[in-house]
Amino acid sequence: KGKEVLAKTIVSSIGAPATFGKLLPESHRHLVSKQLESMKDNMIASNLTLMSMFVGISDPENSLALPKRNYWIHDSWDHDKNIEAFKKNPTKPPVFFVSFSSAKDPTYSSRNPGKQVALVVGPGFFDHVA
């Protein structure tokens, strides 16, 4: 934080508004002024992203018996209501995707003894973390 790194090419996954508006130096923003202006339109502005968390699990005895299926976890089927509630309270994400890829791979435990992995994907609003 607070350090400047210059590059000819930038690959960013934080969204165009944050990339152009925060990562790009002020002196270069004129090069993307049309794009910056168009992103002010709430109909096309991105404000939601998906965040991934990869979890390493120690399981020396292979006793966890993790499920071999994916889970979509959400409070209700009213996804619009869930998103609106999440906008107001970032501690209540509207949906999570959870998967245990190591449990699905029959060769995983022989290649990685005593270890398991999980993937958790959930939404996040830029305003909640920026």
Foldseek 3Di string as FASTA:
>chain_A
DPDQDDDPDDDDDPADQCCLVPNDDPVCSVVVVVVNVVLVPPVPNDFKDKDKDKDKDFAQPPPPLDDQDKDKDADDPPQVVQVVVCVVPVVRFGIKIKHWVLNNDPCNCVVPPRMTMMMIMTMDTPVVPD
